[in-house]
Every structure is written in structure tokens, then in C-alpha cells.
């Protein structure tokens, strides 16, 4: 029973941690992922949407972390996140590798970027104002999990079910605690009744003993020998 109780408590705490973790992850991801104006521990986080860099670095569904840097310090071979100006994906966040440094038509410094999977240059020069940061690392499949979490099945499996299980465990625990409390109350009440009954029986026994003692004393007093009569002063007539 003790081992079962420990296992039950461990499972309950795991449900608490899982539910709380899912809630925290949801809040953080919604407020941070793919937000160019938000940072997570000093990094910007973006979900990779395509496999354009899967040949060398990361895959679609991964979460990439980029650090803000001075664009003038970037060099060939660096991987950067930037806001695309291509007509095909205008405004989207892209994370590609720098092939070489260049300038655009107006003389603004920038970079020729490309995806390593296709090894094809992007259509427009990435100038400094559109650079979001330099790639630092990635976390595999976190983006895929985030997208799954935003779906109805993901919400049910990752958030609703853990909370329902937690509520169920807590409900069962509360019912058991209530039953245990009631059982203890009943036991205390029964013990009090037993004590009162024992006291009553003891009182009756003592009363019976007193009555018997009184009866014995009365009996002893009734059987006492009579006192000797005084001698007569007359002599009998002869």
C-alpha cells in the first residue's frame, strides 16, 4: 500500500509538471516564436518552414535561435535570419547562408544569400536594415511540436488531457481524504461512546458494591448479642 501511494503521488506530480510545462511552453511560444520584436534569453526564435537548409544545418520544423549583431561584422559563410524582400515570400523570415558581400542597386551594402539544399541564390540582396541576426543554434522539431500544439488534437492531447487527469487525480485524492476524515471522526466518536459506557458500567459496579456493603453492615448490626440484664434485688418466695 505504501509503494502504491508513492507511485500515485509521483504520477500526480508528473501530471502537474506536464500540465504546467505545456502551459508555459504555449505562452512562451505564442508570445515569442516568429516575433521579430521579441527575444527569449537574448535570442530571437524562428520556426523553419522549409528544407532549404536541411542539407547542411537544420530542417523544416526546427526552431532556430539568432543573435542580434552588427551587420557590418558578418562575413561569407555566416548564416543569418532576415526579412525577405522577394516577391515570392515578401515579409517572411528566412534563415539562409551568406554567399558573398555586395551592394544593391542604390549602393546600400548587403549580402547575397542562398539555401544550401538547392544552392540557389535568393532573388534580392539582403541589405543591413532587414537583417534580424546571426544564426547561433537550433532545437530540432520544436517548431513542429508548436504547430501541432496549436491544432485541436494537439490542444486536447498536450493541454486538456493532462489537466483533466490532474483534476481526476486531485478529485480522487480529495474523496479519499474526506472518507479518511469521516472514518477518523467515527472512530473518535465510537471511542468516546465506549468510554462513556465503560464509565457508566464502572459507576454501576461501584454502586452495587456500596449497596452490598450497606446490606452487610445492616445485617451485622441486627445480629449483635444483647446486653447482660442487671441482677434482681428480690429473692424468690420459698
C-alpha atoms as a PDB file:
ATOM      1  CA  UNK A   1       0.000   0.000   0.000  1.00  0.00           C
ATOM      2  CA  UNK A   2       2.832   2.394   0.804  1.00  0.00           C
ATOM      3  CA  UNK A   3       4.507   1.718  -2.572  1.00  0.00           C
ATOM      4  CA  UNK A   4       1.183   2.249  -4.358  1.00  0.00           C
ATOM      5  CA  UNK A   5       0.704   5.558  -2.567  1.00  0.00           C
ATOM      6  CA  UNK A   6       4.205   6.689  -3.592  1.00  0.00           C
ATOM      7  CA  UNK A   7       3.559   5.721  -7.224  1.00  0.00           C
ATOM      8  CA  UNK A   8       0.243   7.546  -7.174  1.00  0.00           C
ATOM      9  CA  UNK A   9       1.866  10.696  -5.787  1.00  0.00           C
ATOM     10  CA  UNK A  10       4.648  10.525  -8.384  1.00  0.00           C
ATOM     11  CA  UNK A  11       2.123  10.182 -11.214  1.00  0.00           C
ATOM     12  CA  UNK A  12       0.103  13.090  -9.844  1.00  0.00           C
ATOM     13  CA  UNK A  13       3.182  15.313  -9.654  1.00  0.00           C
ATOM     14  CA  UNK A  14       4.200  14.286 -13.162  1.00  0.00           C
ATOM     15  CA  UNK A  15       0.771  15.378 -14.370  1.00  0.00           C
ATOM     16  CA  UNK A  16       1.221  18.695 -12.587  1.00  0.00           C
ATOM     17  CA  UNK A  17       4.651  19.243 -14.124  1.00  0.00           C
ATOM     18  CA  UNK A  18       3.453  18.207 -17.597  1.00  0.00           C
ATOM     19  CA  UNK A  19       0.389  20.406 -17.498  1.00  0.00           C
ATOM     20  CA  UNK A  20       2.339  23.377 -16.140  1.00  0.00           C
ATOM     21  CA  UNK A  21       5.119  22.806 -18.682  1.00  0.00           C
ATOM     22  CA  UNK A  22       2.665  22.714 -21.569  1.00  0.00           C
ATOM     23  CA  UNK A  23       1.033  25.904 -20.375  1.00  0.00           C
ATOM     24  CA  UNK A  24       4.352  27.707 -20.000  1.00  0.00           C
ATOM     25  CA  UNK A  25       5.564  26.453 -23.386  1.00  0.00           C
ATOM     26  CA  UNK A  26       2.333  27.595 -25.037  1.00  0.00           C
ATOM     27  CA  UNK A  27       2.525  31.065 -23.510  1.00  0.00           C
ATOM     28  CA  UNK A  28       6.214  31.486 -24.335  1.00  0.00           C
ATOM     29  CA  UNK A  29       5.904  30.127 -27.863  1.00  0.00           C
ATOM     30  CA  UNK A  30       2.865  32.194 -28.803  1.00  0.00           C
ATOM     31  CA  UNK A  31       4.425  35.383 -27.438  1.00  0.00           C
ATOM     32  CA  UNK A  32       7.974  34.768 -28.752  1.00  0.00           C
ATOM     33  CA  UNK A  33       8.268  32.413 -31.739  1.00  0.00           C
ATOM     34  CA  UNK A  34       8.356  34.146 -35.128  1.00  0.00           C
ATOM     35  CA  UNK A  35       8.172  37.571 -33.492  1.00  0.00           C
ATOM     36  CA  UNK A  36      10.879  39.907 -34.732  1.00  0.00           C
ATOM     37  CA  UNK A  37      10.238  42.260 -31.802  1.00  0.00           C
ATOM     38  CA  UNK A  38      10.532  39.631 -29.056  1.00  0.00           C
ATOM     39  CA  UNK A  39      13.541  37.881 -27.522  1.00  0.00           C
ATOM     40  CA  UNK A  40      13.988  34.715 -25.490  1.00  0.00           C
ATOM     41  CA  UNK A  41      17.051  34.894 -23.201  1.00  0.00           C
ATOM     42  CA  UNK A  42      18.617  37.419 -25.564  1.00  0.00           C
ATOM     43  CA  UNK A  43      17.837  35.390 -28.716  1.00  0.00           C
ATOM     44  CA  UNK A  44      15.146  35.698 -31.338  1.00  0.00           C
ATOM     45  CA  UNK A  45      13.416  32.431 -32.150  1.00  0.00           C
ATOM     46  CA  UNK A  46      12.067  31.457 -35.564  1.00  0.00           C
ATOM     47  CA  UNK A  47      10.439  28.299 -36.847  1.00  0.00           C
ATOM     48  CA  UNK A  48      11.962  26.884 -40.027  1.00  0.00           C
ATOM     49  CA  UNK A  49       9.246  26.497 -42.645  1.00  0.00           C
ATOM     50  CA  UNK A  50      11.175  24.817 -45.472  1.00  0.00           C
ATOM     51  CA  UNK A  51      14.059  22.406 -46.010  1.00  0.00           C
ATOM     52  CA  UNK A  52      16.156  24.960 -47.867  1.00  0.00           C
ATOM     53  CA  UNK A  53      18.997  24.455 -45.344  1.00  0.00           C
ATOM     54  CA  UNK A  54      18.395  20.788 -44.472  1.00  0.00           C
ATOM     55  CA  UNK A  55      21.407  19.621 -46.481  1.00  0.00           C
ATOM     56  CA  UNK A  56      23.843  21.238 -44.053  1.00  0.00           C
ATOM     57  CA  UNK A  57      22.271  22.789 -40.971  1.00  0.00           C
ATOM     58  CA  UNK A  58      18.605  22.430 -39.968  1.00  0.00           C
ATOM     59  CA  UNK A  59      15.286  21.072 -41.187  1.00  0.00           C
ATOM     60  CA  UNK A  60      11.748  22.322 -41.551  1.00  0.00           C
ATOM     61  CA  UNK A  61      10.053  22.273 -38.160  1.00  0.00           C
ATOM     62  CA  UNK A  62      13.229  23.076 -36.237  1.00  0.00           C
ATOM     63  CA  UNK A  63      13.479  26.169 -34.061  1.00  0.00           C
ATOM     64  CA  UNK A  64      16.446  28.418 -34.883  1.00  0.00           C
ATOM     65  CA  UNK A  65      17.895  30.922 -32.434  1.00  0.00           C
ATOM     66  CA  UNK A  66      19.578  34.024 -33.784  1.00  0.00           C
ATOM     67  CA  UNK A  67      21.565  36.723 -32.014  1.00  0.00           C
ATOM     68  CA  UNK A  68      21.460  40.363 -32.970  1.00  0.00           C
ATOM     69  CA  UNK A  69      24.775  41.544 -34.396  1.00  0.00           C
ATOM     70  CA  UNK A  70      26.171  44.497 -36.264  1.00  0.00           C
ATOM     71  CA  UNK A  71      25.567  43.556 -39.931  1.00  0.00           C
ATOM     72  CA  UNK A  72      28.919  45.065 -40.860  1.00  0.00           C
ATOM     73  CA  UNK A  73      30.648  42.310 -38.852  1.00  0.00           C
ATOM     74  CA  UNK A  74      29.056  39.491 -40.873  1.00  0.00           C
ATOM     75  CA  UNK A  75      31.150  37.552 -43.376  1.00  0.00           C
ATOM     76  CA  UNK A  76      30.835  34.944 -46.094  1.00  0.00           C
ATOM     77  CA  UNK A  77      29.635  31.619 -44.720  1.00  0.00           C
ATOM     78  CA  UNK A  78      27.655  33.125 -41.844  1.00  0.00           C
ATOM     79  CA  UNK A  79      24.011  32.120 -41.572  1.00  0.00           C
ATOM     80  CA  UNK A  80      21.612  34.984 -40.990  1.00  0.00           C
ATOM     81  CA  UNK A  81      17.906  35.469 -40.406  1.00  0.00           C
ATOM     82  CA  UNK A  82      16.365  38.281 -42.417  1.00  0.00           C
ATOM     83  CA  UNK A  83      13.062  39.654 -43.603  1.00  0.00           C
ATOM     84  CA  UNK A  84      12.674  38.618 -47.225  1.00  0.00           C
ATOM     85  CA  UNK A  85      12.062  41.240 -49.894  1.00  0.00           C
ATOM     86  CA  UNK A  86      11.460  38.676 -52.637  1.00  0.00           C
ATOM     87  CA  UNK A  87       8.030  38.876 -54.246  1.00  0.00           C
ATOM     88  CA  UNK A  88       7.513  35.139 -53.742  1.00  0.00           C
ATOM     89  CA  UNK A  89       7.801  35.298 -49.940  1.00  0.00           C
ATOM     90  CA  UNK A  90       7.757  39.013 -49.167  1.00  0.00           C
ATOM     91  CA  UNK A  91       7.835  39.798 -45.455  1.00  0.00           C
ATOM     92  CA  UNK A  92       8.606  36.257 -44.328  1.00  0.00           C
ATOM     93  CA  UNK A  93      11.540  35.449 -42.061  1.00  0.00           C
ATOM     94  CA  UNK A  94      14.222  33.477 -43.901  1.00  0.00           C
ATOM     95  CA  UNK A  95      17.376  31.915 -42.469  1.00  0.00           C
ATOM     96  CA  UNK A  96      19.986  31.398 -45.183  1.00  0.00           C
ATOM     97  CA  UNK A  97      23.747  31.414 -45.622  1.00  0.00           C
ATOM     98  CA  UNK A  98      25.767  34.374 -46.920  1.00  0.00           C
ATOM     99  CA  UNK A  99      27.469  33.574 -50.186  1.00  0.00           C
ATOM    100  CA  UNK A 100      29.208  36.920 -50.553  1.00  0.00           C
ATOM    101  CA  UNK A 101      29.073  40.574 -49.578  1.00  0.00           C
ATOM    102  CA  UNK A 102      27.691  43.023 -52.150  1.00  0.00           C
ATOM    103  CA  UNK A 103      25.635  46.198 -52.601  1.00  0.00           C
ATOM    104  CA  UNK A 104      22.160  46.706 -54.004  1.00  0.00           C
ATOM    105  CA  UNK A 105      21.210  48.915 -56.970  1.00  0.00           C
ATOM    106  CA  UNK A 106      21.240  52.045 -54.808  1.00  0.00           C
ATOM    107  CA  UNK A 107      24.662  51.272 -53.333  1.00  0.00           C
ATOM    108  CA  UNK A 108      23.401  50.008 -49.988  1.00  0.00           C
ATOM    109  CA  UNK A 109      25.689  47.327 -48.508  1.00  0.00           C
ATOM    110  CA  UNK A 110      24.166  43.875 -48.221  1.00  0.00           C
ATOM    111  CA  UNK A 111      24.551  40.161 -48.833  1.00  0.00           C
ATOM    112  CA  UNK A 112      23.861  37.571 -51.460  1.00  0.00           C
ATOM    113  CA  UNK A 113      22.238  34.671 -49.608  1.00  0.00           C
ATOM    114  CA  UNK A 114      21.273  31.141 -50.597  1.00  0.00           C
ATOM    115  CA  UNK A 115      19.797  27.919 -49.289  1.00  0.00           C
ATOM    116  CA  UNK A 116      22.329  25.111 -49.112  1.00  0.00           C
ATOM    117  CA  UNK A 117      19.854  22.432 -50.218  1.00  0.00           C
ATOM    118  CA  UNK A 118      19.226  23.966 -53.646  1.00  0.00           C
ATOM    119  CA  UNK A 119      22.430  26.052 -53.741  1.00  0.00           C
ATOM    120  CA  UNK A 120      20.390  28.771 -55.484  1.00  0.00           C
ATOM    121  CA  UNK A 121      20.871  32.451 -54.704  1.00  0.00           C
ATOM    122  CA  UNK A 122      17.935  34.388 -53.307  1.00  0.00           C
ATOM    123  CA  UNK A 123      16.335  36.868 -55.679  1.00  0.00           C
ATOM    124  CA  UNK A 124      17.163  40.082 -53.837  1.00  0.00           C
ATOM    125  CA  UNK A 125      20.114  41.490 -51.949  1.00  0.00           C
ATOM    126  CA  UNK A 126      19.643  41.432 -48.171  1.00  0.00           C
ATOM    127  CA  UNK A 127      20.588  44.926 -47.009  1.00  0.00           C
ATOM    128  CA  UNK A 128      21.504  45.763 -43.428  1.00  0.00           C
ATOM    129  CA  UNK A 129      18.067  47.087 -42.283  1.00  0.00           C
ATOM    130  CA  UNK A 130      16.442  43.708 -42.996  1.00  0.00           C
ATOM    131  CA  UNK A 131      18.973  41.582 -41.115  1.00  0.00           C
ATOM    132  CA  UNK A 132      17.461  40.180 -37.898  1.00  0.00           C
ATOM    133  CA  UNK A 133      20.514  38.439 -36.526  1.00  0.00           C
ATOM    134  CA  UNK A 134      23.159  35.781 -36.891  1.00  0.00           C
ATOM    135  CA  UNK A 135      22.257  32.119 -36.531  1.00  0.00           C
ATOM    136  CA  UNK A 136      23.546  30.592 -33.280  1.00  0.00           C
ATOM    137  CA  UNK A 137      21.915  27.190 -32.902  1.00  0.00           C
ATOM    138  CA  UNK A 138      18.708  25.274 -33.456  1.00  0.00           C
ATOM    139  CA  UNK A 139      16.418  22.959 -31.492  1.00  0.00           C
ATOM    140  CA  UNK A 140      15.132  20.049 -33.527  1.00  0.00           C
ATOM    141  CA  UNK A 141      11.369  19.583 -34.048  1.00  0.00           C
ATOM    142  CA  UNK A 142      10.305  22.235 -31.529  1.00  0.00           C
ATOM    143  CA  UNK A 143       8.599  24.181 -34.275  1.00  0.00           C
ATOM    144  CA  UNK A 144       6.707  21.096 -35.443  1.00  0.00           C
ATOM    145  CA  UNK A 145       5.562  20.476 -31.902  1.00  0.00           C
ATOM    146  CA  UNK A 146       4.483  24.104 -31.631  1.00  0.00           C
ATOM    147  CA  UNK A 147       2.372  23.855 -34.773  1.00  0.00           C
ATOM    148  CA  UNK A 148       0.872  20.596 -33.530  1.00  0.00           C
ATOM    149  CA  UNK A 149       0.102  22.242 -30.200  1.00  0.00           C
ATOM    150  CA  UNK A 150      -1.860  24.964 -31.992  1.00  0.00           C
ATOM    151  CA  UNK A 151      -4.152  22.374 -33.594  1.00  0.00           C
ATOM    152  CA  UNK A 152      -7.267  20.994 -31.894  1.00  0.00           C
ATOM    153  CA  UNK A 153      -5.786  17.461 -31.443  1.00  0.00           C
ATOM    154  CA  UNK A 154      -2.584  18.996 -30.088  1.00  0.00           C
ATOM    155  CA  UNK A 155      -4.503  21.103 -27.591  1.00  0.00           C
ATOM    156  CA  UNK A 156      -6.508  18.080 -26.464  1.00  0.00           C
ATOM    157  CA  UNK A 157      -3.508  15.751 -26.141  1.00  0.00           C
ATOM    158  CA  UNK A 158      -0.960  18.158 -24.675  1.00  0.00           C
ATOM    159  CA  UNK A 159      -3.031  20.514 -22.541  1.00  0.00           C
ATOM    160  CA  UNK A 160      -6.607  19.368 -21.987  1.00  0.00           C
ATOM    161  CA  UNK A 161      -5.886  15.710 -21.191  1.00  0.00           C
ATOM    162  CA  UNK A 162      -3.104  16.426 -18.647  1.00  0.00           C
ATOM    163  CA  UNK A 163      -5.313  18.947 -16.863  1.00  0.00           C
ATOM    164  CA  UNK A 164      -8.271  16.554 -16.839  1.00  0.00           C
ATOM    165  CA  UNK A 165      -6.058  13.794 -15.454  1.00  0.00           C
ATOM    166  CA  UNK A 166      -4.746  16.198 -12.836  1.00  0.00           C
ATOM    167  CA  UNK A 167      -8.280  17.172 -11.855  1.00  0.00           C
ATOM    168  CA  UNK A 168      -9.239  13.483 -11.724  1.00  0.00           C
ATOM    169  CA  UNK A 169      -6.285  12.590  -9.509  1.00  0.00           C
ATOM    170  CA  UNK A 170      -6.992  15.521  -7.203  1.00  0.00           C
ATOM    171  CA  UNK A 171     -10.684  14.650  -7.076  1.00  0.00           C
ATOM    172  CA  UNK A 172      -9.947  11.048  -6.121  1.00  0.00           C
ATOM    173  CA  UNK A 173      -7.440  12.220  -3.521  1.00  0.00           C
ATOM    174  CA  UNK A 174      -9.947  14.662  -2.010  1.00  0.00           C
ATOM    175  CA  UNK A 175     -12.624  11.949  -1.833  1.00  0.00           C
ATOM    176  CA  UNK A 176     -10.201   9.607  -0.103  1.00  0.00           C
ATOM    177  CA  UNK A 177      -9.112  12.300   2.321  1.00  0.00           C
ATOM    178  CA  UNK A 178     -12.750  13.082   3.104  1.00  0.00           C
ATOM    179  CA  UNK A 179     -13.530   9.412   3.679  1.00  0.00           C
ATOM    180  CA  UNK A 180     -10.467   9.058   5.879  1.00  0.00           C
ATOM    181  CA  UNK A 181     -11.509  12.139   7.851  1.00  0.00           C
ATOM    182  CA  UNK A 182     -15.038  10.794   8.314  1.00  0.00           C
ATOM    183  CA  UNK A 183     -13.675   7.392   9.361  1.00  0.00           C
ATOM    184  CA  UNK A 184     -11.426   9.071  11.945  1.00  0.00           C
ATOM    185  CA  UNK A 185     -14.388  11.082  13.226  1.00  0.00           C
ATOM    186  CA  UNK A 186     -16.486   7.939  13.516  1.00  0.00           C
ATOM    187  CA  UNK A 187     -13.646   6.143  15.283  1.00  0.00           C
ATOM    188  CA  UNK A 188     -13.222   9.028  17.746  1.00  0.00           C
ATOM    189  CA  UNK A 189     -16.979   9.183  18.338  1.00  0.00           C
ATOM    190  CA  UNK A 190     -17.153   5.422  18.901  1.00  0.00           C
ATOM    191  CA  UNK A 191     -14.192   5.603  21.265  1.00  0.00           C
ATOM    192  CA  UNK A 192     -15.950   8.355  23.232  1.00  0.00           C
ATOM    193  CA  UNK A 193     -19.123   6.284  23.391  1.00  0.00           C
ATOM    194  CA  UNK A 194     -17.170   3.246  24.554  1.00  0.00           C
ATOM    195  CA  UNK A 195     -15.507   5.350  27.252  1.00  0.00           C
ATOM    196  CA  UNK A 196     -18.848   6.702  28.449  1.00  0.00           C
ATOM    197  CA  UNK A 197     -20.293   3.185  28.508  1.00  0.00           C
ATOM    198  CA  UNK A 198     -17.264   1.903  30.423  1.00  0.00           C
ATOM    199  CA  UNK A 199     -17.585   4.757  32.935  1.00  0.00           C
ATOM    200  CA  UNK A 200     -21.262   4.031  33.337  1.00  0.00           C
ATOM    201  CA  UNK A 201     -20.584   0.340  33.903  1.00  0.00           C
ATOM    202  CA  UNK A 202     -17.897   1.207  36.443  1.00  0.00           C
ATOM    203  CA  UNK A 203     -20.281   3.554  38.251  1.00  0.00           C
ATOM    204  CA  UNK A 204     -22.973   0.883  38.370  1.00  0.00           C
ATOM    205  CA  UNK A 205     -20.472  -1.642  39.693  1.00  0.00           C
ATOM    206  CA  UNK A 206     -19.348   0.749  42.424  1.00  0.00           C
ATOM    207  CA  UNK A 207     -22.970   1.487  43.363  1.00  0.00           C
ATOM    208  CA  UNK A 208     -23.686  -2.214  43.522  1.00  0.00           C
ATOM    209  CA  UNK A 209     -20.694  -2.745  45.779  1.00  0.00           C
ATOM    210  CA  UNK A 210     -21.821   0.111  48.047  1.00  0.00           C
ATOM    211  CA  UNK A 211     -25.297  -1.373  48.276  1.00  0.00           C
ATOM    212  CA  UNK A 212     -23.918  -4.783  49.117  1.00  0.00           C
ATOM    213  CA  UNK A 213     -21.601  -3.276  51.726  1.00  0.00           C
ATOM    214  CA  UNK A 214     -24.508  -1.358  53.271  1.00  0.00           C
ATOM    215  CA  UNK A 215     -26.598  -4.507  53.377  1.00  0.00           C
ATOM    216  CA  UNK A 216     -23.795  -6.419  55.039  1.00  0.00           C
ATOM    217  CA  UNK A 217     -23.339  -3.691  57.631  1.00  0.00           C
ATOM    218  CA  UNK A 218     -27.070  -3.642  58.347  1.00  0.00           C
ATOM    219  CA  UNK A 219     -27.145  -7.401  58.762  1.00  0.00           C
ATOM    220  CA  UNK A 220     -24.118  -7.351  61.034  1.00  0.00           C
ATOM    221  CA  UNK A 221     -25.799  -4.714  63.235  1.00  0.00           C
ATOM    222  CA  UNK A 222     -29.029  -6.748  63.609  1.00  0.00           C
ATOM    223  CA  UNK A 223     -27.244  -9.904  64.847  1.00  0.00           C
ATOM    224  CA  UNK A 224     -25.253  -8.220  67.680  1.00  0.00           C
ATOM    225  CA  UNK A 225     -25.617 -10.049  71.082  1.00  0.00           C
ATOM    226  CA  UNK A 226     -27.983  -8.342  73.675  1.00  0.00           C
ATOM    227  CA  UNK A 227     -26.512  -6.569  76.673  1.00  0.00           C
ATOM    228  CA  UNK A 228     -26.446  -8.510  80.135  1.00  0.00           C
ATOM    229  CA  UNK A 229     -29.502  -7.714  82.336  1.00  0.00           C
ATOM    230  CA  UNK A 230     -28.879  -6.236  85.839  1.00  0.00           C
ATOM    231  CA  UNK A 231     -29.333  -8.729  88.862  1.00  0.00           C
ATOM    232  CA  UNK A 232     -32.723  -8.591  90.629  1.00  0.00           C
ATOM    233  CA  UNK A 233     -32.871  -7.294  94.277  1.00  0.00           C
ATOM    234  CA  UNK A 234     -35.739  -9.583  95.249  1.00  0.00           C
ATOM    235  CA  UNK A 235     -35.433 -13.100  96.477  1.00  0.00           C
ATOM    236  CA  UNK A 236     -37.835 -15.608  95.325  1.00  0.00           C
ATOM    237  CA  UNK A 237     -40.504 -16.761  97.784  1.00  0.00           C
ATOM    238  CA  UNK A 238     -39.854 -20.241  99.123  1.00  0.00           C
END
